[in-house]
Amino acid sequence: MTCAPIRSHLRTLARERIKRDVLPPSAHMETWGGHGNGEVCSLCDNPIGSEDIEYEMAGVVNGTHRIYRFHLECHTAWEVEITPNEGSK
């Protein structure tokens, strides 16, 4: 996890999207990292540019194959929210 404070609005958004089943409630997926290529972030809905680090996750969620893409900071906010005793669920 990052040493910088995580923006509270990203954590709030992550909690909301997890509750609505828009984002997965766990990290049991294959994950890759690299530079973005303009795809939209699954958390903040903004493009992930080539100057940004992108985390891509793929796996089956509720019987459907899904792909999620995150900015580094957005992935960290989501990860905090799914980690027991770290998130504010």
PDB file of N, CA and C in Angstrom:
ATOM      1  N   MET A   1       0.832  -1.182   0.000  1.00  0.00           N
ATOM      2  CA  MET A   1       0.000   0.000   0.000  1.00  0.00           C
ATOM      3  C   MET A   1       0.875   1.243   0.000  1.00  0.00           C
ATOM      4  N   THR A   2       0.296   2.309  -0.429  1.00  0.00           N
ATOM      5  CA  THR A   2       1.034   3.561  -0.518  1.00  0.00           C
ATOM      6  C   THR A   2       1.201   4.218   0.849  1.00  0.00           C
ATOM      7  N   CYS A   3       2.239   5.000   1.002  1.00  0.00           N
ATOM      8  CA  CYS A   3       2.457   5.745   2.242  1.00  0.00           C
ATOM      9  C   CYS A   3       1.642   7.026   2.261  1.00  0.00           C
ATOM     10  N   ALA A   4       1.282   7.527   1.101  1.00  0.00           N
ATOM     11  CA  ALA A   4       0.499   8.763   1.018  1.00  0.00           C
ATOM     12  C   ALA A   4      -0.933   8.492   1.478  1.00  0.00           C
ATOM     13  N   PRO A   5      -1.573   9.496   2.081  1.00  0.00           N
ATOM     14  CA  PRO A   5      -2.963   9.311   2.502  1.00  0.00           C
ATOM     15  C   PRO A   5      -3.853   9.028   1.292  1.00  0.00           C
ATOM     16  N   ILE A   6      -4.792   8.151   1.490  1.00  0.00           N
ATOM     17  CA  ILE A   6      -5.737   7.819   0.423  1.00  0.00           C
ATOM     18  C   ILE A   6      -6.903   8.793   0.513  1.00  0.00           C
ATOM     19  N   ARG A   7      -7.272   9.346  -0.598  1.00  0.00           N
ATOM     20  CA  ARG A   7      -8.360  10.323  -0.619  1.00  0.00           C
ATOM     21  C   ARG A   7      -9.657   9.671  -0.149  1.00  0.00           C
ATOM     22  N   SER A   8     -10.310  10.310   0.796  1.00  0.00           N
ATOM     23  CA  SER A   8     -11.516   9.734   1.398  1.00  0.00           C
ATOM     24  C   SER A   8     -12.638   9.567   0.375  1.00  0.00           C
ATOM     25  N   HIS A   9     -12.722  10.455  -0.622  1.00  0.00           N
ATOM     26  CA  HIS A   9     -13.802  10.301  -1.602  1.00  0.00           C
ATOM     27  C   HIS A   9     -13.612   9.043  -2.441  1.00  0.00           C
ATOM     28  N   LEU A  10     -12.364   8.621  -2.670  1.00  0.00           N
ATOM     29  CA  LEU A  10     -12.136   7.378  -3.414  1.00  0.00           C
ATOM     30  C   LEU A  10     -12.522   6.171  -2.574  1.00  0.00           C
ATOM     31  N   ARG A  11     -12.241   6.218  -1.278  1.00  0.00           N
ATOM     32  CA  ARG A  11     -12.641   5.115  -0.403  1.00  0.00           C
ATOM     33  C   ARG A  11     -14.155   5.033  -0.311  1.00  0.00           C
ATOM     34  N   THR A  12     -14.817   6.178  -0.212  1.00  0.00           N
ATOM     35  CA  THR A  12     -16.283   6.196  -0.162  1.00  0.00           C
ATOM     36  C   THR A  12     -16.858   5.623  -1.443  1.00  0.00           C
ATOM     37  N   LEU A  13     -16.329   6.042  -2.582  1.00  0.00           N
ATOM     38  CA  LEU A  13     -16.785   5.539  -3.871  1.00  0.00           C
ATOM     39  C   LEU A  13     -16.546   4.036  -3.977  1.00  0.00           C
ATOM     40  N   ALA A  14     -15.402   3.564  -3.513  1.00  0.00           N
ATOM     41  CA  ALA A  14     -15.107   2.130  -3.536  1.00  0.00           C
ATOM     42  C   ALA A  14     -16.129   1.359  -2.704  1.00  0.00           C
ATOM     43  N   ARG A  15     -16.428   1.830  -1.496  1.00  0.00           N
ATOM     44  CA  ARG A  15     -17.425   1.162  -0.636  1.00  0.00           C
ATOM     45  C   ARG A  15     -18.772   1.084  -1.339  1.00  0.00           C
ATOM     46  N   GLU A  16     -19.196   2.200  -1.935  1.00  0.00           N
ATOM     47  CA  GLU A  16     -20.492   2.233  -2.632  1.00  0.00           C
ATOM     48  C   GLU A  16     -20.525   1.247  -3.790  1.00  0.00           C
ATOM     49  N   ARG A  17     -19.452   1.203  -4.573  1.00  0.00           N
ATOM     50  CA  ARG A  17     -19.429   0.313  -5.742  1.00  0.00           C
ATOM     51  C   ARG A  17     -19.310  -1.154  -5.349  1.00  0.00           C
ATOM     52  N   ILE A  18     -18.661  -1.430  -4.246  1.00  0.00           N
ATOM     53  CA  ILE A  18     -18.612  -2.808  -3.743  1.00  0.00           C
ATOM     54  C   ILE A  18     -20.011  -3.226  -3.300  1.00  0.00           C
ATOM     55  N   LYS A  19     -20.705  -2.381  -2.563  1.00  0.00           N
ATOM     56  CA  LYS A  19     -22.071  -2.694  -2.091  1.00  0.00           C
ATOM     57  C   LYS A  19     -23.027  -2.919  -3.245  1.00  0.00           C
ATOM     58  N   ARG A  20     -22.846  -2.196  -4.354  1.00  0.00           N
ATOM     59  CA  ARG A  20     -23.729  -2.326  -5.526  1.00  0.00           C
ATOM     60  C   ARG A  20     -23.254  -3.413  -6.494  1.00  0.00           C
ATOM     61  N   ASP A  21     -22.216  -4.172  -6.109  1.00  0.00           N
ATOM     62  CA  ASP A  21     -21.643  -5.237  -6.944  1.00  0.00           C
ATOM     63  C   ASP A  21     -21.060  -4.725  -8.256  1.00  0.00           C
ATOM     64  N   VAL A  22     -20.650  -3.457  -8.274  1.00  0.00           N
ATOM     65  CA  VAL A  22     -19.974  -2.903  -9.447  1.00  0.00           C
ATOM     66  C   VAL A  22     -18.497  -3.273  -9.395  1.00  0.00           C
ATOM     67  N   LEU A  23     -17.943  -3.321  -8.164  1.00  0.00           N
ATOM     68  CA  LEU A  23     -16.562  -3.753  -7.943  1.00  0.00           C
ATOM     69  C   LEU A  23     -16.576  -5.009  -7.088  1.00  0.00           C
ATOM     70  N   PRO A  24     -15.574  -5.865  -7.253  1.00  0.00           N
ATOM     71  CA  PRO A  24     -15.545  -7.119  -6.497  1.00  0.00           C
ATOM     72  C   PRO A  24     -15.255  -6.899  -5.009  1.00  0.00           C
ATOM     73  N   PRO A  25     -15.789  -7.772  -4.145  1.00  0.00           N
ATOM     74  CA  PRO A  25     -15.561  -7.654  -2.710  1.00  0.00           C
ATOM     75  C   PRO A  25     -14.265  -8.303  -2.235  1.00  0.00           C
ATOM     76  N   SER A  26     -13.515  -8.896  -3.145  1.00  0.00           N
ATOM     77  CA  SER A  26     -12.240  -9.521  -2.782  1.00  0.00           C
ATOM     78  C   SER A  26     -11.276  -9.424  -3.957  1.00  0.00           C
ATOM     79  N   ALA A  27     -10.019  -9.727  -3.679  1.00  0.00           N
ATOM     80  CA  ALA A  27      -8.964  -9.585  -4.692  1.00  0.00           C
ATOM     81  C   ALA A  27      -8.527 -10.930  -5.259  1.00  0.00           C
ATOM     82  N   HIS A  28      -9.403 -11.897  -5.286  1.00  0.00           N
ATOM     83  CA  HIS A  28      -9.044 -13.219  -5.790  1.00  0.00           C
ATOM     84  C   HIS A  28      -9.127 -13.253  -7.317  1.00  0.00           C
ATOM     85  N   MET A  29      -8.233 -12.501  -7.953  1.00  0.00           N
ATOM     86  CA  MET A  29      -8.202 -12.404  -9.406  1.00  0.00           C
ATOM     87  C   MET A  29      -6.758 -12.293  -9.861  1.00  0.00           C
ATOM     88  N   GLU A  30      -6.541 -12.588 -11.129  1.00  0.00           N
ATOM     89  CA  GLU A  30      -5.219 -12.341 -11.707  1.00  0.00           C
ATOM     90  C   GLU A  30      -5.059 -10.831 -11.845  1.00  0.00           C
ATOM     91  N   THR A  31      -3.869 -10.329 -11.501  1.00  0.00           N
ATOM     92  CA  THR A  31      -3.627  -8.891 -11.531  1.00  0.00           C
ATOM     93  C   THR A  31      -2.328  -8.594 -12.257  1.00  0.00           C
ATOM     94  N   TRP A  32      -2.376  -7.576 -13.117  1.00  0.00           N
ATOM     95  CA  TRP A  32      -1.200  -7.114 -13.847  1.00  0.00           C
ATOM     96  C   TRP A  32      -1.059  -5.619 -13.614  1.00  0.00           C
ATOM     97  N   GLY A  33       0.143  -5.136 -13.769  1.00  0.00           N
ATOM     98  CA  GLY A  33       0.391  -3.701 -13.657  1.00  0.00           C
ATOM     99  C   GLY A  33       1.223  -3.226 -14.834  1.00  0.00           C
ATOM    100  N   GLY A  34       1.054  -1.994 -15.189  1.00  0.00           N
ATOM    101  CA  GLY A  34       1.823  -1.407 -16.289  1.00  0.00           C
ATOM    102  C   GLY A  34       1.355   0.012 -16.525  1.00  0.00           C
ATOM    103  N   HIS A  35       1.728   0.551 -17.656  1.00  0.00           N
ATOM    104  CA  HIS A  35       1.298   1.904 -18.019  1.00  0.00           C
ATOM    105  C   HIS A  35      -0.098   1.842 -18.628  1.00  0.00           C
ATOM    106  N   GLY A  36      -0.888   2.868 -18.348  1.00  0.00           N
ATOM    107  CA  GLY A  36      -2.232   2.944 -18.895  1.00  0.00           C
ATOM    108  C   GLY A  36      -2.214   3.179 -20.400  1.00  0.00           C
ATOM    109  N   ASN A  37      -3.375   2.911 -21.020  1.00  0.00           N
ATOM    110  CA  ASN A  37      -3.498   3.133 -22.460  1.00  0.00           C
ATOM    111  C   ASN A  37      -4.809   3.827 -22.817  1.00  0.00           C
ATOM    112  N   GLY A  38      -5.338   4.591 -21.838  1.00  0.00           N
ATOM    113  CA  GLY A  38      -6.554   5.349 -22.116  1.00  0.00           C
ATOM    114  C   GLY A  38      -7.844   4.675 -21.702  1.00  0.00           C
ATOM    115  N   GLU A  39      -7.778   3.430 -21.207  1.00  0.00           N
ATOM    116  CA  GLU A  39      -8.991   2.761 -20.736  1.00  0.00           C
ATOM    117  C   GLU A  39      -9.531   3.503 -19.513  1.00  0.00           C
ATOM    118  N   VAL A  40     -10.810   3.339 -19.236  1.00  0.00           N
ATOM    119  CA  VAL A  40     -11.459   4.030 -18.133  1.00  0.00           C
ATOM    120  C   VAL A  40     -11.272   3.250 -16.832  1.00  0.00           C
ATOM    121  N   CYS A  41     -10.970   3.975 -15.760  1.00  0.00           N
ATOM    122  CA  CYS A  41     -10.801   3.388 -14.434  1.00  0.00           C
ATOM    123  C   CYS A  41     -12.149   2.873 -13.919  1.00  0.00           C
ATOM    124  N   SER A  42     -12.138   1.672 -13.363  1.00  0.00           N
ATOM    125  CA  SER A  42     -13.353   1.062 -12.823  1.00  0.00           C
ATOM    126  C   SER A  42     -13.846   1.735 -11.553  1.00  0.00           C
ATOM    127  N   LEU A  43     -13.014   2.555 -10.925  1.00  0.00           N
ATOM    128  CA  LEU A  43     -13.441   3.247  -9.716  1.00  0.00           C
ATOM    129  C   LEU A  43     -13.839   4.687 -10.001  1.00  0.00           C
ATOM    130  N   CYS A  44     -12.942   5.476 -10.566  1.00  0.00           N
ATOM    131  CA  CYS A  44     -13.221   6.918 -10.712  1.00  0.00           C
ATOM    132  C   CYS A  44     -13.811   7.302 -12.071  1.00  0.00           C
ATOM    133  N   ASP A  45     -13.864   6.359 -13.020  1.00  0.00           N
ATOM    134  CA  ASP A  45     -14.437   6.593 -14.355  1.00  0.00           C
ATOM    135  C   ASP A  45     -13.635   7.561 -15.216  1.00  0.00           C
ATOM    136  N   ASN A  46     -12.393   7.854 -14.839  1.00  0.00           N
ATOM    137  CA  ASN A  46     -11.523   8.704 -15.650  1.00  0.00           C
ATOM    138  C   ASN A  46     -10.548   7.838 -16.435  1.00  0.00           C
ATOM    139  N   PRO A  47     -10.094   8.308 -17.598  1.00  0.00           N
ATOM    140  CA  PRO A  47      -9.130   7.535 -18.391  1.00  0.00           C
ATOM    141  C   PRO A  47      -7.813   7.349 -17.635  1.00  0.00           C
ATOM    142  N   ILE A  48      -7.172   6.217 -17.872  1.00  0.00           N
ATOM    143  CA  ILE A  48      -5.862   5.923 -17.302  1.00  0.00           C
ATOM    144  C   ILE A  48      -4.846   6.174 -18.408  1.00  0.00           C
ATOM    145  N   GLY A  49      -4.174   7.301 -18.325  1.00  0.00           N
ATOM    146  CA  GLY A  49      -3.254   7.726 -19.377  1.00  0.00           C
ATOM    147  C   GLY A  49      -1.942   6.964 -19.363  1.00  0.00           C
ATOM    148  N   SER A  50      -1.171   7.124 -20.422  1.00  0.00           N
ATOM    149  CA  SER A  50       0.111   6.423 -20.551  1.00  0.00           C
ATOM    150  C   SER A  50       1.122   6.861 -19.502  1.00  0.00           C
ATOM    151  N   GLU A  51       0.911   8.027 -18.898  1.00  0.00           N
ATOM    152  CA  GLU A  51       1.802   8.494 -17.830  1.00  0.00           C
ATOM    153  C   GLU A  51       1.393   7.929 -16.469  1.00  0.00           C
ATOM    154  N   ASP A  52       0.246   7.236 -16.408  1.00  0.00           N
ATOM    155  CA  ASP A  52      -0.269   6.661 -15.167  1.00  0.00           C
ATOM    156  C   ASP A  52       0.058   5.175 -15.069  1.00  0.00           C
ATOM    157  N   ILE A  53       0.147   4.679 -13.837  1.00  0.00           N
ATOM    158  CA  ILE A  53       0.251   3.243 -13.595  1.00  0.00           C
ATOM    159  C   ILE A  53      -1.168   2.682 -13.604  1.00  0.00           C
ATOM    160  N   GLU A  54      -1.369   1.587 -14.321  1.00  0.00           N
ATOM    161  CA  GLU A  54      -2.670   0.929 -14.383  1.00  0.00           C
ATOM    162  C   GLU A  54      -2.559  -0.464 -13.780  1.00  0.00           C
ATOM    163  N   TYR A  55      -3.520  -0.806 -12.926  1.00  0.00           N
ATOM    164  CA  TYR A  55      -3.679  -2.178 -12.450  1.00  0.00           C
ATOM    165  C   TYR A  55      -4.862  -2.769 -13.196  1.00  0.00           C
ATOM    166  N   GLU A  56      -4.660  -3.923 -13.794  1.00  0.00           N
ATOM    167  CA  GLU A  56      -5.735  -4.625 -14.483  1.00  0.00           C
ATOM    168  C   GLU A  56      -5.963  -5.947 -13.771  1.00  0.00           C
ATOM    169  N   MET A  57      -7.223  -6.237 -13.492  1.00  0.00           N
ATOM    170  CA  MET A  57      -7.585  -7.476 -12.820  1.00  0.00           C
ATOM    171  C   MET A  57      -8.615  -8.209 -13.664  1.00  0.00           C
ATOM    172  N   ALA A  58      -8.474  -9.526 -13.734  1.00  0.00           N
ATOM    173  CA  ALA A  58      -9.427 -10.335 -14.499  1.00  0.00           C
ATOM    174  C   ALA A  58      -9.792 -11.569 -13.695  1.00  0.00           C
ATOM    175  N   GLY A  59     -11.063 -11.936 -13.762  1.00  0.00           N
ATOM    176  CA  GLY A  59     -11.519 -13.133 -13.074  1.00  0.00           C
ATOM    177  C   GLY A  59     -13.021 -13.279 -13.197  1.00  0.00           C
ATOM    178  N   VAL A  60     -13.532 -14.332 -12.596  1.00  0.00           N
ATOM    179  CA  VAL A  60     -14.962 -14.607 -12.623  1.00  0.00           C
ATOM    180  C   VAL A  60     -15.584 -14.070 -11.341  1.00  0.00           C
ATOM    181  N   VAL A  61     -16.570 -13.201 -11.503  1.00  0.00           N
ATOM    182  CA  VAL A  61     -17.301 -12.622 -10.379  1.00  0.00           C
ATOM    183  C   VAL A  61     -18.780 -12.917 -10.601  1.00  0.00           C
ATOM    184  N   ASN A  62     -19.392 -13.595  -9.641  1.00  0.00           N
ATOM    185  CA  ASN A  62     -20.813 -13.969  -9.744  1.00  0.00           C
ATOM    186  C   ASN A  62     -21.120 -14.687 -11.060  1.00  0.00           C
ATOM    187  N   GLY A  63     -20.206 -15.570 -11.467  1.00  0.00           N
ATOM    188  CA  GLY A  63     -20.417 -16.380 -12.654  1.00  0.00           C
ATOM    189  C   GLY A  63     -20.115 -15.700 -13.977  1.00  0.00           C
ATOM    190  N   THR A  64     -19.649 -14.475 -13.950  1.00  0.00           N
ATOM    191  CA  THR A  64     -19.360 -13.721 -15.168  1.00  0.00           C
ATOM    192  C   THR A  64     -17.892 -13.325 -15.194  1.00  0.00           C
ATOM    193  N   HIS A  65     -17.233 -13.528 -16.346  1.00  0.00           N
ATOM    194  CA  HIS A  65     -15.836 -13.092 -16.482  1.00  0.00           C
ATOM    195  C   HIS A  65     -15.821 -11.578 -16.549  1.00  0.00           C
ATOM    196  N   ARG A  66     -15.017 -10.966 -15.680  1.00  0.00           N
ATOM    197  CA  ARG A  66     -14.960  -9.512 -15.604  1.00  0.00           C
ATOM    198  C   ARG A  66     -13.523  -9.022 -15.682  1.00  0.00           C
ATOM    199  N   ILE A  67     -13.343  -7.812 -16.190  1.00  0.00           N
ATOM    200  CA  ILE A  67     -12.056  -7.135 -16.201  1.00  0.00           C
ATOM    201  C   ILE A  67     -12.249  -5.785 -15.524  1.00  0.00           C
ATOM    202  N   TYR A  68     -11.362  -5.476 -14.598  1.00  0.00           N
ATOM    203  CA  TYR A  68     -11.376  -4.206 -13.890  1.00  0.00           C
ATOM    204  C   TYR A  68     -10.043  -3.523 -14.135  1.00  0.00           C
ATOM    205  N   ARG A  69     -10.086  -2.213 -14.300  1.00  0.00           N
ATOM    206  CA  ARG A  69      -8.863  -1.422 -14.483  1.00  0.00           C
ATOM    207  C   ARG A  69      -8.889  -0.277 -13.476  1.00  0.00           C
ATOM    208  N   PHE A  70      -7.720   0.009 -12.872  1.00  0.00           N
ATOM    209  CA  PHE A  70      -7.635   1.040 -11.854  1.00  0.00           C
ATOM    210  C   PHE A  70      -6.386   1.892 -12.031  1.00  0.00           C
ATOM    211  N   HIS A  71      -6.489   3.177 -11.689  1.00  0.00           N
ATOM    212  CA  HIS A  71      -5.299   3.982 -11.423  1.00  0.00           C
ATOM    213  C   HIS A  71      -4.665   3.394 -10.159  1.00  0.00           C
ATOM    214  N   LEU A  72      -3.389   3.654  -9.944  1.00  0.00           N
ATOM    215  CA  LEU A  72      -2.707   3.178  -8.745  1.00  0.00           C
ATOM    216  C   LEU A  72      -3.448   3.608  -7.478  1.00  0.00           C
ATOM    217  N   GLU A  73      -3.766   4.890  -7.368  1.00  0.00           N
ATOM    218  CA  GLU A  73      -4.445   5.393  -6.171  1.00  0.00           C
ATOM    219  C   GLU A  73      -5.843   4.804  -6.008  1.00  0.00           C
ATOM    220  N   CYS A  74      -6.541   4.607  -7.102  1.00  0.00           N
ATOM    221  CA  CYS A  74      -7.886   4.016  -7.053  1.00  0.00           C
ATOM    222  C   CYS A  74      -7.817   2.552  -6.628  1.00  0.00           C
ATOM    223  N   HIS A  75      -6.834   1.822  -7.146  1.00  0.00           N
ATOM    224  CA  HIS A  75      -6.660   0.425  -6.748  1.00  0.00           C
ATOM    225  C   HIS A  75      -6.372   0.344  -5.256  1.00  0.00           C
ATOM    226  N   THR A  76      -5.535   1.246  -4.753  1.00  0.00           N
ATOM    227  CA  THR A  76      -5.200   1.257  -3.331  1.00  0.00           C
ATOM    228  C   THR A  76      -6.442   1.540  -2.487  1.00  0.00           C
ATOM    229  N   ALA A  77      -7.271   2.492  -2.899  1.00  0.00           N
ATOM    230  CA  ALA A  77      -8.501   2.811  -2.164  1.00  0.00           C
ATOM    231  C   ALA A  77      -9.425   1.602  -2.130  1.00  0.00           C
ATOM    232  N   TRP A  78      -9.595   0.918  -3.263  1.00  0.00           N
ATOM    233  CA  TRP A  78     -10.432  -0.283  -3.321  1.00  0.00           C
ATOM    234  C   TRP A  78      -9.843  -1.372  -2.430  1.00  0.00           C
ATOM    235  N   GLU A  79      -8.537  -1.549  -2.492  1.00  0.00           N
ATOM    236  CA  GLU A  79      -7.869  -2.589  -1.714  1.00  0.00           C
ATOM    237  C   GLU A  79      -8.037  -2.346  -0.211  1.00  0.00           C
ATOM    238  N   VAL A  80      -7.949  -1.104   0.228  1.00  0.00           N
ATOM    239  CA  VAL A  80      -8.158  -0.789   1.645  1.00  0.00           C
ATOM    240  C   VAL A  80      -9.577  -1.172   2.060  1.00  0.00           C
ATOM    241  N   GLU A  81     -10.539  -0.912   1.202  1.00  0.00           N
ATOM    242  CA  GLU A  81     -11.935  -1.192   1.543  1.00  0.00           C
ATOM    243  C   GLU A  81     -12.266  -2.686   1.586  1.00  0.00           C
ATOM    244  N   ILE A  82     -11.497  -3.514   0.919  1.00  0.00           N
ATOM    245  CA  ILE A  82     -11.783  -4.959   0.960  1.00  0.00           C
ATOM    246  C   ILE A  82     -10.924  -5.687   1.989  1.00  0.00           C
ATOM    247  N   THR A  83      -9.987  -4.978   2.621  1.00  0.00           N
ATOM    248  CA  THR A  83      -9.095  -5.584   3.593  1.00  0.00           C
ATOM    249  C   THR A  83      -9.723  -5.509   4.977  1.00  0.00           C
ATOM    250  N   PRO A  84      -9.913  -6.657   5.645  1.00  0.00           N
ATOM    251  CA  PRO A  84     -10.500  -6.650   6.989  1.00  0.00           C
ATOM    252  C   PRO A  84      -9.712  -5.746   7.934  1.00  0.00           C
ATOM    253  N   ASN A  85     -10.430  -5.035   8.781  1.00  0.00           N
ATOM    254  CA  ASN A  85      -9.856  -4.143   9.796  1.00  0.00           C
ATOM    255  C   ASN A  85      -9.172  -2.916   9.215  1.00  0.00           C
ATOM    256  N   GLU A  86      -9.197  -2.714   7.919  1.00  0.00           N
ATOM    257  CA  GLU A  86      -8.592  -1.529   7.297  1.00  0.00           C
ATOM    258  C   GLU A  86      -9.680  -0.618   6.748  1.00  0.00           C
ATOM    259  N   GLY A  87     -10.653  -1.211   6.066  1.00  0.00           N
ATOM    260  CA  GLY A  87     -11.722  -0.419   5.473  1.00  0.00           C
ATOM    261  C   GLY A  87     -12.740  -0.021   6.525  1.00  0.00           C
ATOM    262  N   SER A  88     -13.668   0.809   6.119  1.00  0.00           N
ATOM    263  CA  SER A  88     -14.713   1.268   7.048  1.00  0.00           C
ATOM    264  C   SER A  88     -16.059   0.725   6.613  1.00  0.00           C
ATOM    265  N   LYS A  89     -16.134  -0.600   6.479  1.00  0.00           N
ATOM    266  CA  LYS A  89     -17.371  -1.259   6.029  1.00  0.00           C
ATOM    267  C   LYS A  89     -18.418  -1.239   7.104  1.00  0.00           C
TER     268      LYS A  89
END
